[in-house]
Amino acid sequence: MLLRHGGAIGLRMRNPDQSSSLFWFVIGIGISLRSLKYGFGSLHQPGPGFITSLAGAILTLLSLALFISSSSDREDRGGLRGLWAGLDIGKVLHVIILLVIYILVLRPVGFLISTFILLFLLFRIKGTYRLRTILFLSFLVTACSYVVFELWLKAQLPKGILERII
C-alpha cells in the first residue's frame, strides 16, 4: 500500500516479514550476481562461484516465498513488539553464553567432547526430554557430525585432549 507523507511516497508493510523478505531478496540477488563473476562451472565441475550463486538463488526464492505468504496474511502482528512477545530472554542469553564458551573451548577440548557437552546443555534448556533421551541425542548428533565432517568430507576437526587417543 502506497502512502504519502509530506510529498514523499512510501511503501507501508503490513508486518515485519514483508520488509525483511524484501531486504533478503535484494541480498540474495546481489550474492547471486556477484558470485557469477567467479564462474559458475557445471554440476560435474563446479566453479568457484557455484555454491555462493546457488545459495544466493535459494535465498532469493525463499525471501520471495516469504513475501508472498506474508502479503496474503491478514493477521495484525503488532509490529516489532509482537516479535518479542512470549520470548524467554533467559533462555536466549543461556544459548548465546553456551555458544561463546563452545567457541572458546573447541580447540583445547576438541570437537567430540565440546560438541557433545554443548548439545547436552542445549537439549537441557528445552527441558522436556528425559536424561536418557538427551544423552542419546547428543551422542547421535555428535557422532553423525563427526562422520560427515571428519570421515566423509575429510575436514580436520580439532581433536583437543583426545589427540593422543584418536
Protein backbone atom coordinates (compact mmCIF):
# COMPACT_ATOMS: atom_id res chain seq x y z
CA MET A 1 0.00 0.00 0.00
CA LEU A 2 1.49 3.35 -1.03
CA LEU A 3 1.23 6.25 1.39
CA ARG A 4 2.04 9.94 1.00
CA HIS A 5 3.86 11.66 3.84
CA GLY A 6 4.71 15.30 3.23
CA GLY A 7 5.11 14.82 -0.51
CA ALA A 8 7.12 11.58 -0.21
CA ILE A 9 5.69 8.29 -1.30
CA GLY A 10 6.50 5.29 0.86
CA LEU A 11 5.62 1.62 0.91
CA ARG A 12 3.69 0.55 4.00
CA MET A 13 4.34 -3.01 5.11
CA ARG A 14 1.64 -4.95 6.91
CA ASN A 15 4.04 -6.96 9.02
CA PRO A 16 7.79 -7.23 9.62
CA ASP A 17 8.04 -10.33 7.40
CA GLN A 18 7.35 -8.24 4.32
CA SER A 19 10.12 -5.72 4.91
CA SER A 20 12.64 -8.35 5.99
CA SER A 21 11.81 -10.53 2.98
CA LEU A 22 12.45 -7.60 0.63
CA PHE A 23 15.80 -6.99 2.33
CA TRP A 24 16.84 -10.65 1.93
CA PHE A 25 15.52 -10.69 -1.64
CA VAL A 26 17.89 -7.86 -2.58
CA ILE A 27 20.77 -9.51 -0.71
CA GLY A 28 20.10 -12.85 -2.46
CA ILE A 29 20.12 -11.25 -5.89
CA GLY A 30 23.33 -9.39 -5.03
CA ILE A 31 25.04 -12.58 -3.86
CA SER A 32 23.97 -14.46 -6.98
CA LEU A 33 25.12 -11.74 -9.36
CA ARG A 34 28.47 -11.17 -7.63
CA SER A 35 29.26 -14.88 -7.45
CA LEU A 36 28.68 -15.30 -11.19
CA LYS A 37 31.75 -13.13 -11.64
CA TYR A 38 33.85 -16.04 -10.31
CA GLY A 39 32.45 -18.60 -12.73
CA PHE A 40 29.55 -20.99 -12.22
CA GLY A 41 31.04 -24.06 -13.90
CA SER A 42 28.82 -27.14 -14.20
CA LEU A 43 27.34 -29.73 -11.87
CA HIS A 44 30.21 -32.12 -12.60
CA GLN A 45 32.93 -29.45 -12.47
CA PRO A 46 31.66 -26.60 -10.30
CA GLY A 47 33.47 -23.29 -10.49
CA PRO A 48 34.43 -21.04 -7.56
CA GLY A 49 31.10 -19.20 -7.73
CA PHE A 50 28.90 -22.29 -7.88
CA ILE A 51 27.98 -22.65 -4.20
CA THR A 52 27.57 -18.94 -3.50
CA SER A 53 25.49 -18.45 -6.63
CA LEU A 54 23.27 -21.35 -5.66
CA ALA A 55 22.98 -20.06 -2.08
CA GLY A 56 22.02 -16.60 -3.37
CA ALA A 57 19.38 -18.10 -5.64
CA ILE A 58 17.92 -20.15 -2.78
CA LEU A 59 17.90 -17.08 -0.52
CA THR A 60 16.13 -15.09 -3.25
CA LEU A 61 13.47 -17.77 -3.77
CA LEU A 62 12.84 -18.23 -0.05
CA SER A 63 12.53 -14.49 0.54
CA LEU A 64 10.13 -14.22 -2.39
CA ALA A 65 8.03 -17.05 -0.95
CA LEU A 66 8.01 -15.33 2.45
CA PHE A 67 6.95 -12.03 0.89
CA ILE A 68 4.09 -13.67 -0.99
CA SER A 69 2.89 -15.62 2.05
CA SER A 70 3.13 -12.57 4.32
CA SER A 71 1.27 -10.41 1.77
CA SER A 72 -1.74 -12.68 1.92
CA ASP A 73 -1.56 -12.85 5.72
CA ARG A 74 -4.27 -10.54 7.09
CA GLU A 75 -3.33 -11.06 10.74
CA ASP A 76 -2.04 -7.97 12.56
CA ARG A 77 1.21 -8.95 14.23
CA GLY A 78 1.56 -5.85 16.35
CA GLY A 79 4.73 -4.68 14.65
CA LEU A 80 8.17 -5.22 16.09
CA ARG A 81 6.84 -5.57 19.62
CA GLY A 82 4.85 -8.66 18.59
CA LEU A 83 8.06 -10.42 17.57
CA TRP A 84 9.35 -10.32 21.14
CA ALA A 85 6.09 -11.34 22.84
CA GLY A 86 6.44 -14.52 24.85
CA LEU A 87 10.20 -14.74 24.37
CA ASP A 88 12.15 -16.10 27.33
CA ILE A 89 15.18 -13.81 27.40
CA GLY A 90 16.89 -16.04 29.96
CA LYS A 91 16.97 -18.98 27.56
CA VAL A 92 18.25 -16.80 24.73
CA LEU A 93 21.09 -15.47 26.87
CA HIS A 94 21.83 -19.01 28.06
CA VAL A 95 22.20 -20.21 24.46
CA ILE A 96 24.40 -17.24 23.50
CA ILE A 97 26.67 -17.81 26.50
CA LEU A 98 26.92 -21.54 25.72
CA LEU A 99 27.86 -20.81 22.11
CA VAL A 100 30.56 -18.33 23.14
CA ILE A 101 32.01 -20.86 25.60
CA TYR A 102 31.86 -23.55 22.89
CA ILE A 103 33.90 -21.36 20.54
CA LEU A 104 36.49 -20.74 23.26
CA VAL A 105 36.92 -24.40 24.28
CA LEU A 106 36.59 -26.07 20.88
CA ARG A 107 40.32 -26.22 20.10
CA PRO A 108 41.72 -27.11 23.51
CA VAL A 109 38.98 -29.60 24.45
CA GLY A 110 38.29 -30.92 20.96
CA PHE A 111 35.30 -31.29 18.68
CA LEU A 112 33.85 -34.52 20.07
CA ILE A 113 33.80 -33.60 23.75
CA SER A 114 32.86 -29.93 23.37
CA THR A 115 30.11 -30.65 20.83
CA PHE A 116 28.64 -33.42 22.97
CA ILE A 117 28.58 -31.15 26.04
CA LEU A 118 27.14 -28.23 24.06
CA LEU A 119 24.33 -30.35 22.64
CA PHE A 120 23.64 -31.89 26.04
CA LEU A 121 23.28 -28.44 27.61
CA LEU A 122 21.20 -27.09 24.72
CA PHE A 123 18.80 -30.04 24.95
CA ARG A 124 18.58 -29.42 28.73
CA ILE A 125 17.46 -25.84 28.08
CA LYS A 126 14.41 -27.18 26.29
CA GLY A 127 13.70 -29.16 29.43
CA THR A 128 11.09 -31.53 28.02
CA TYR A 129 13.34 -34.53 27.34
CA ARG A 130 14.35 -37.28 29.76
CA LEU A 131 18.04 -37.53 30.66
CA ARG A 132 18.48 -40.76 28.70
CA THR A 133 16.99 -39.15 25.58
CA ILE A 134 19.23 -36.10 25.93
CA LEU A 135 22.34 -38.28 26.25
CA PHE A 136 21.31 -40.38 23.24
CA LEU A 137 20.50 -37.37 21.02
CA SER A 138 23.71 -35.58 21.99
CA PHE A 139 25.76 -38.67 21.19
CA LEU A 140 23.91 -39.33 17.92
CA VAL A 141 24.25 -35.78 16.57
CA THR A 142 27.92 -35.58 17.62
CA ALA A 143 28.71 -38.93 16.02
CA CYS A 144 26.88 -38.07 12.80
CA SER A 145 28.65 -34.71 12.61
CA TYR A 146 31.99 -36.42 13.13
CA VAL A 147 31.29 -38.98 10.41
CA VAL A 148 30.15 -36.34 7.92
CA PHE A 149 32.87 -33.76 8.52
CA GLU A 150 35.90 -35.78 9.61
CA LEU A 151 35.47 -39.04 7.71
CA TRP A 152 33.38 -38.17 4.66
CA LEU A 153 34.42 -34.56 3.90
CA LYS A 154 37.94 -35.01 5.33
CA ALA A 155 37.74 -31.80 7.35
CA GLN A 156 40.28 -31.60 10.12
CA LEU A 157 38.24 -31.08 13.25
CA PRO A 158 40.07 -30.11 16.45
CA LYS A 159 40.94 -33.24 18.42
CA GLY A 160 41.91 -31.41 21.60
CA ILE A 161 42.64 -33.62 24.58
CA LEU A 162 41.69 -36.74 22.58
CA GLU A 163 44.53 -36.16 20.11
CA ARG A 164 46.70 -38.87 21.67
CA ILE A 165 43.86 -41.40 21.61
CA ILE A 166 42.36 -40.83 18.15
